[in-house]
Amino acid sequence: MKKISLVVPCYNEEANIEALYEAITEEFRTELPGYDYELIYIDNDSKDHSRDIIRLLAMKDPHVKGILNAKNFGQFNSPYYGLLQMTGDCVITLACDFQDPVDMIHKFVAGWEEGYKIVIGVKTKSKENPLIYGLRTLYYKTIKRFSNVEMIMHYTGFGLYDKDFIDVLRKLDDPTPFLRGIVAEIGYRHLEIPYTQPKRRAGKSSNNFYRLYDGAMLSFTSYTKIGLRLATFIGFFGAFASFVIAIVYLILKLTNWYGFEAGMAPLIILVAALGSLQLLFIGLIGEYILAINQRVMKRPLVVEEERVGIWDEKKEEKQEENSEEQA
């Protein structure tokens, strides 16, 4: 019997964890009765009762497992680490807030059985704020336009991944992974299934401007060169324009062309404009340097505080051996 792993990252999702468990259980009972499965909740240091609920579910149902992180390791590291802990023939990752529809699971499995190593959900519509959806569309178009890989529009990571692909992820050893870019970059043949994203079922999203900006800059610095190229080209143009303006200004001043008596205002404005551009591009280059720095430090994706549920000890020993070999 084939086994399907499901990874559900969560942070302060006490209102959704048990409801999602019941929905997934029903999905396998009605749509996928011929498959075994494991449901792995990976908690990113929740401050509510999420961990207690995961412990209770793991005690009640041997299909349920939990990884409780020592601290919040971010919106990308935690789910990525969860994927690496799968023990099934494939793994599906989905959000705990029901914005990734549970009824897509059997559709993903059907695509996988057709031979696709990767089956992903792509949002064609969303019931979220239209402004937010529009901004996301603009972001995806911008990244797709300037990226050196073919990025996938409105793909959030929601999908199914064969164990062969997960083995590739384990070998990457990337301390700051961006799954959406990796899927587009690796080159496995994949199937895209459209869906409409529903509203969050309950609770409040932990995403804020800083988290969204962090995610945008991770993809921007990992898969585009446009920032550095813009800094070079605009810097060159600005330097050339400044040199020409300085020569013209000097000639007009020395020859007193038609009584030319320009004061310091034009020079001050020019210096301020050039200084602003310099600060902008220094900051942009700093983002690239920050991304490089995080990769060079080779910090762990996640530090576990506790595991709950029944885990395959042999699988864990094998993963520990792989980690030691990579180190």
Protein backbone atom coordinates (compact mmCIF):
# COMPACT_ATOMS: atom_id res chain seq x y z
CA MET A 1 0.00 0.00 0.00
CA LYS A 2 1.36 3.40 -0.99
CA LYS A 3 1.85 5.93 1.76
CA ILE A 4 1.15 9.65 1.44
CA SER A 5 2.71 12.15 3.81
CA LEU A 6 0.99 15.44 4.55
CA VAL A 7 2.91 18.34 6.06
CA VAL A 8 0.98 21.15 7.72
CA PRO A 9 3.01 24.10 9.05
CA CYS A 10 1.20 26.01 11.76
CA TYR A 11 1.64 29.03 13.97
CA ASN A 12 -1.11 30.04 16.40
CA GLU A 13 -3.69 27.89 14.61
CA GLU A 14 -5.57 26.44 17.58
CA ALA A 15 -8.92 27.18 15.87
CA ASN A 16 -8.00 25.22 12.73
CA ILE A 17 -5.77 22.26 13.65
CA GLU A 18 -8.45 19.79 14.73
CA ALA A 19 -10.88 20.86 12.00
CA LEU A 20 -8.17 20.28 9.37
CA TYR A 21 -7.40 16.87 10.88
CA GLU A 22 -11.06 15.88 10.56
CA ALA A 23 -11.26 17.17 6.98
CA ILE A 24 -8.12 15.26 5.93
CA THR A 25 -9.33 12.09 7.66
CA GLU A 26 -12.63 12.34 5.78
CA GLU A 27 -10.81 13.00 2.48
CA PHE A 28 -8.81 9.77 2.84
CA ARG A 29 -11.84 7.78 4.01
CA THR A 30 -14.00 8.79 1.04
CA GLU A 31 -11.60 9.62 -1.82
CA LEU A 32 -8.39 7.71 -1.05
CA PRO A 33 -9.33 4.57 0.91
CA GLY A 34 -6.58 2.52 -0.74
CA TYR A 35 -3.73 4.65 0.63
CA ASP A 36 -1.95 4.81 3.96
CA TYR A 37 -1.02 8.27 5.20
CA GLU A 38 0.76 10.27 7.87
CA LEU A 39 -0.20 13.78 8.93
CA ILE A 40 2.76 15.82 10.16
CA TYR A 41 2.06 19.10 11.93
CA ILE A 42 5.17 21.26 12.25
CA ASP A 43 4.58 23.99 14.80
CA ASN A 44 6.64 27.18 14.60
CA ASP A 45 6.65 27.99 18.33
CA SER A 46 2.96 28.88 18.67
CA LYS A 47 1.92 31.01 21.63
CA ASP A 48 -1.62 29.63 21.89
CA HIS A 49 -2.81 26.05 22.53
CA SER A 50 -1.75 24.69 19.13
CA ARG A 51 0.90 22.38 20.60
CA ASP A 52 -1.48 20.87 23.15
CA ILE A 53 -3.98 20.08 20.40
CA ILE A 54 -1.27 18.44 18.26
CA ARG A 55 -0.18 16.30 21.23
CA LEU A 56 -3.77 15.17 21.88
CA LEU A 57 -4.35 14.29 18.21
CA ALA A 58 -1.10 12.30 18.11
CA MET A 59 -2.18 10.35 21.19
CA LYS A 60 -5.59 9.64 19.66
CA ASP A 61 -4.55 8.76 16.10
CA PRO A 62 -1.30 6.99 15.09
CA HIS A 63 -1.49 8.71 11.70
CA VAL A 64 -0.75 12.05 13.36
CA LYS A 65 2.77 13.22 14.14
CA GLY A 66 4.13 16.52 15.37
CA ILE A 67 7.36 18.47 15.22
CA LEU A 68 7.52 21.31 17.73
CA ASN A 69 10.19 23.87 16.87
CA ALA A 70 12.37 25.45 19.54
CA LYS A 71 11.54 28.92 18.14
CA ASN A 72 9.91 30.54 15.14
CA PHE A 73 12.18 29.79 12.17
CA GLY A 74 10.17 31.69 9.59
CA GLN A 75 7.53 31.01 6.98
CA PHE A 76 9.88 29.24 4.55
CA ASN A 77 12.31 27.18 6.66
CA SER A 78 9.73 25.44 8.80
CA PRO A 79 7.53 23.93 6.03
CA TYR A 80 10.62 23.08 3.98
CA TYR A 81 12.09 21.21 6.95
CA GLY A 82 8.77 19.42 7.40
CA LEU A 83 8.94 18.19 3.81
CA LEU A 84 12.34 16.63 4.49
CA GLN A 85 10.90 14.60 7.39
CA MET A 86 8.34 12.76 5.24
CA THR A 87 8.40 8.94 5.26
CA GLY A 88 5.86 8.27 2.51
CA ASP A 89 6.09 7.71 -1.24
CA CYS A 90 5.09 11.34 -1.79
CA VAL A 91 4.30 14.36 0.34
CA ILE A 92 1.64 17.05 0.17
CA THR A 93 2.07 20.39 1.91
CA LEU A 94 -0.91 22.54 2.73
CA ALA A 95 -1.76 25.49 4.97
CA CYS A 96 -3.51 24.97 8.27
CA ASP A 97 -6.01 27.80 7.70
CA PHE A 98 -7.96 25.99 4.91
CA GLN A 99 -6.81 28.44 2.22
CA ASP A 100 -5.30 25.37 0.55
CA PRO A 101 -8.46 23.30 -0.17
CA VAL A 102 -8.40 19.79 1.30
CA ASP A 103 -10.47 18.45 -1.62
CA MET A 104 -7.45 19.08 -3.88
CA ILE A 105 -5.57 16.19 -2.21
CA HIS A 106 -7.14 13.40 -4.28
CA LYS A 107 -6.64 15.47 -7.45
CA PHE A 108 -2.94 15.81 -6.65
CA VAL A 109 -2.69 12.05 -6.04
CA ALA A 110 -4.42 11.34 -9.37
CA GLY A 111 -1.84 13.50 -11.16
CA TRP A 112 0.96 11.76 -9.30
CA GLU A 113 -0.38 8.34 -10.33
CA GLU A 114 -0.26 9.54 -13.94
CA GLY A 115 3.51 9.81 -13.57
CA TYR A 116 4.13 13.42 -12.55
CA LYS A 117 6.83 13.87 -9.89
CA ILE A 118 5.37 17.25 -8.92
CA VAL A 119 1.70 18.25 -8.91
CA ILE A 120 0.99 21.80 -7.77
CA GLY A 121 -2.01 24.01 -7.16
CA VAL A 122 -2.12 27.34 -8.98
CA LYS A 123 -4.54 30.04 -7.87
CA THR A 124 -6.73 31.35 -10.69
CA LYS A 125 -9.03 33.25 -8.34
CA SER A 126 -8.96 34.22 -4.69
CA LYS A 127 -11.54 35.31 -2.14
CA GLU A 128 -8.93 37.37 -0.30
CA ASN A 129 -8.73 41.16 -0.50
CA PRO A 130 -8.76 42.11 -4.24
CA LEU A 131 -6.03 44.69 -3.64
CA ILE A 132 -3.75 42.09 -2.03
CA TYR A 133 -4.43 39.64 -4.85
CA GLY A 134 -3.66 42.35 -7.41
CA LEU A 135 -0.38 43.21 -5.69
CA ARG A 136 0.57 39.54 -5.62
CA THR A 137 -0.15 39.31 -9.36
CA LEU A 138 2.10 42.32 -9.99
CA TYR A 139 4.82 40.76 -7.87
CA TYR A 140 4.65 37.42 -9.71
CA LYS A 141 4.74 39.16 -13.10
CA THR A 142 7.76 41.23 -12.05
CA ILE A 143 9.70 38.22 -10.76
CA LYS A 144 8.76 36.16 -13.81
CA ARG A 145 9.86 38.97 -16.12
CA PHE A 146 13.31 39.38 -14.59
CA SER A 147 14.07 35.90 -13.25
CA ASN A 148 16.58 33.61 -14.92
CA VAL A 149 14.17 30.67 -14.36
CA GLU A 150 10.56 30.27 -15.48
CA MET A 151 8.72 31.20 -12.27
CA ILE A 152 5.16 29.88 -11.75
CA MET A 153 2.41 32.47 -11.34
CA HIS A 154 0.29 32.29 -8.16
CA TYR A 155 2.00 29.16 -6.87
CA THR A 156 2.45 29.25 -3.09
CA GLY A 157 4.07 25.86 -2.46
CA PHE A 158 0.73 24.04 -2.15
CA GLY A 159 1.15 20.74 -3.95
CA LEU A 160 2.39 17.16 -4.05
CA TYR A 161 6.04 16.16 -4.33
CA ASP A 162 7.38 12.69 -5.09
CA LYS A 163 9.97 11.20 -2.74
CA ASP A 164 12.56 11.40 -5.55
CA PHE A 165 12.15 15.18 -5.60
CA ILE A 166 12.44 15.31 -1.81
CA ASP A 167 15.73 13.39 -2.08
CA VAL A 168 16.95 16.17 -4.39
CA LEU A 169 15.93 18.77 -1.80
CA ARG A 170 17.91 16.93 0.88
CA LYS A 171 21.03 17.09 -1.27
CA LEU A 172 20.68 20.84 -1.89
CA ASP A 173 21.56 21.65 1.72
CA ASP A 174 20.21 25.20 1.35
CA PRO A 175 19.88 27.09 4.68
CA THR A 176 17.54 29.69 3.12
CA PRO A 177 15.36 27.64 0.76
CA PHE A 178 12.69 29.12 -1.49
CA LEU A 179 10.59 26.14 -2.57
CA ARG A 180 8.65 28.01 -5.25
CA GLY A 181 11.86 28.92 -7.03
CA ILE A 182 13.41 25.47 -6.54
CA VAL A 183 10.40 23.75 -8.15
CA ALA A 184 10.69 26.05 -11.17
CA GLU A 185 14.48 25.64 -11.33
CA ILE A 186 14.99 21.89 -10.85
CA GLY A 187 13.23 21.00 -14.09
CA TYR A 188 11.05 18.04 -13.08
CA ARG A 189 8.00 17.69 -15.29
CA HIS A 190 5.10 19.02 -13.24
CA LEU A 191 1.33 19.27 -13.49
CA GLU A 192 -0.52 22.46 -12.60
CA ILE A 193 -4.06 22.20 -11.25
CA PRO A 194 -6.06 25.46 -10.99
CA TYR A 195 -8.14 26.27 -7.91
CA THR A 196 -9.94 29.16 -6.26
CA GLN A 197 -8.39 30.16 -2.95
CA PRO A 198 -11.03 30.41 -0.21
CA LYS A 199 -10.95 32.78 2.72
CA ARG A 200 -9.17 31.84 5.91
CA ARG A 201 -11.47 29.59 7.97
CA ALA A 202 -10.67 31.00 11.42
CA GLY A 203 -8.03 32.90 13.33
CA LYS A 204 -5.80 35.71 12.18
CA SER A 205 -3.00 35.50 9.65
CA SER A 206 0.52 36.04 11.02
CA ASN A 207 1.63 37.59 7.73
CA ASN A 208 2.45 41.27 7.92
CA PHE A 209 4.34 43.74 5.74
CA TYR A 210 7.73 42.64 7.05
CA ARG A 211 7.04 38.92 6.41
CA LEU A 212 5.71 39.63 2.92
CA TYR A 213 8.71 41.86 2.18
CA ASP A 214 11.09 39.19 3.48
CA GLY A 215 9.57 36.60 1.18
CA ALA A 216 9.62 38.94 -1.81
CA MET A 217 13.27 39.84 -1.29
CA LEU A 218 14.25 36.18 -0.84
CA SER A 219 12.86 35.34 -4.27
CA PHE A 220 14.18 38.58 -5.78
CA THR A 221 17.76 38.09 -4.61
CA SER A 222 17.77 34.32 -5.24
CA TYR A 223 16.42 34.31 -8.77
CA THR A 224 17.03 37.71 -10.38
CA LYS A 225 20.05 39.84 -11.29
CA ILE A 226 18.07 42.93 -12.22
CA GLY A 227 18.79 44.77 -8.95
CA LEU A 228 22.55 44.61 -9.38
CA ARG A 229 22.32 45.39 -13.09
CA LEU A 230 20.13 48.44 -12.43
CA ALA A 231 22.60 49.69 -9.84
CA THR A 232 25.41 49.37 -12.38
CA PHE A 233 23.61 50.93 -15.34
CA ILE A 234 21.94 53.78 -13.47
CA GLY A 235 25.13 54.46 -11.53
CA PHE A 236 27.07 54.71 -14.79
CA PHE A 237 24.44 56.95 -16.37
CA GLY A 238 24.26 59.14 -13.27
CA ALA A 239 28.04 59.53 -13.14
CA PHE A 240 28.19 60.42 -16.83
CA ALA A 241 25.30 62.91 -16.53
CA SER A 242 26.91 64.51 -13.47
CA PHE A 243 30.21 64.89 -15.31
CA VAL A 244 28.51 66.54 -18.31
CA ILE A 245 26.46 68.89 -16.10
CA ALA A 246 29.59 69.85 -14.14
CA ILE A 247 31.52 70.70 -17.33
CA VAL A 248 28.61 72.72 -18.74
CA TYR A 249 28.15 74.53 -15.43
CA LEU A 250 31.89 75.33 -15.25
CA ILE A 251 31.98 76.69 -18.83
CA LEU A 252 28.89 78.85 -18.28
CA LYS A 253 30.34 80.18 -15.05
CA LEU A 254 33.76 80.98 -16.51
CA THR A 255 32.43 82.62 -19.66
CA ASN A 256 29.54 84.36 -17.88
CA TRP A 257 27.29 83.22 -20.76
CA TYR A 258 24.56 85.85 -21.15
CA GLY A 259 25.06 86.90 -17.58
CA PHE A 260 24.80 83.36 -16.19
CA GLU A 261 24.59 83.60 -12.40
CA ALA A 262 23.09 80.29 -11.24
CA GLY A 263 23.32 79.86 -7.50
CA MET A 264 23.90 76.72 -5.46
CA ALA A 265 20.28 75.44 -5.69
CA PRO A 266 20.73 73.34 -8.87
CA LEU A 267 23.90 71.78 -7.50
CA ILE A 268 22.25 70.96 -4.16
CA ILE A 269 19.25 69.38 -5.89
CA LEU A 270 21.54 67.29 -8.09
CA VAL A 271 23.64 66.11 -5.15
CA ALA A 272 20.51 65.20 -3.17
CA ALA A 273 19.07 63.24 -6.10
CA LEU A 274 22.29 61.33 -6.69
CA GLY A 275 22.69 60.68 -2.96
CA SER A 276 19.17 59.21 -2.79
CA LEU A 277 19.91 56.89 -5.70
CA GLN A 278 23.13 55.79 -4.05
CA LEU A 279 21.36 54.96 -0.79
CA LEU A 280 18.64 53.08 -2.68
CA PHE A 281 21.10 50.87 -4.53
CA ILE A 282 23.38 50.39 -1.53
CA GLY A 283 20.32 49.01 0.27
CA LEU A 284 19.45 46.78 -2.68
CA ILE A 285 22.99 45.44 -2.92
CA GLY A 286 22.85 44.91 0.83
CA GLU A 287 19.87 42.57 0.33
CA TYR A 288 21.95 40.44 -2.02
CA ILE A 289 24.85 40.43 0.46
CA LEU A 290 22.46 39.46 3.27
CA ALA A 291 21.20 36.51 1.20
CA ILE A 292 24.80 35.41 0.54
CA ASN A 293 25.68 35.81 4.23
CA GLN A 294 22.78 33.62 5.35
CA ARG A 295 23.83 30.87 2.97
CA VAL A 296 27.50 31.03 3.97
CA MET A 297 26.71 30.72 7.70
CA LYS A 298 25.06 27.31 7.08
CA ARG A 299 22.75 27.53 10.06
CA PRO A 300 20.23 24.69 10.51
CA LEU A 301 16.82 25.04 8.89
CA VAL A 302 15.07 24.28 12.17
CA VAL A 303 15.97 23.23 15.69
CA GLU A 304 13.44 20.79 17.11
CA GLU A 305 12.28 21.02 20.69
CA GLU A 306 10.04 17.98 20.70
CA ARG A 307 8.53 15.29 18.49
CA VAL A 308 5.16 13.73 19.21
CA GLY A 309 3.46 10.70 17.72
CA ILE A 310 4.92 7.45 16.43
CA TRP A 311 7.99 8.06 14.28
CA ASP A 312 9.98 5.50 12.29
CA GLU A 313 13.23 5.24 14.27
CA LYS A 314 15.13 3.67 11.35
CA LYS A 315 14.09 6.57 9.12
CA GLU A 316 15.27 9.07 11.73
CA GLU A 317 18.63 7.27 12.09
CA LYS A 318 19.11 7.35 8.31
CA GLN A 319 18.34 11.08 8.21
CA GLU A 320 20.79 11.71 11.05
CA GLU A 321 23.49 9.79 9.15
CA ASN A 322 22.80 11.85 6.01
CA SER A 323 23.05 15.06 8.05
CA GLU A 324 26.39 13.96 9.53
CA GLU A 325 27.75 13.07 6.07
CA GLN A 326 26.71 16.50 4.70
CA ALA A 327 28.33 18.23 7.69
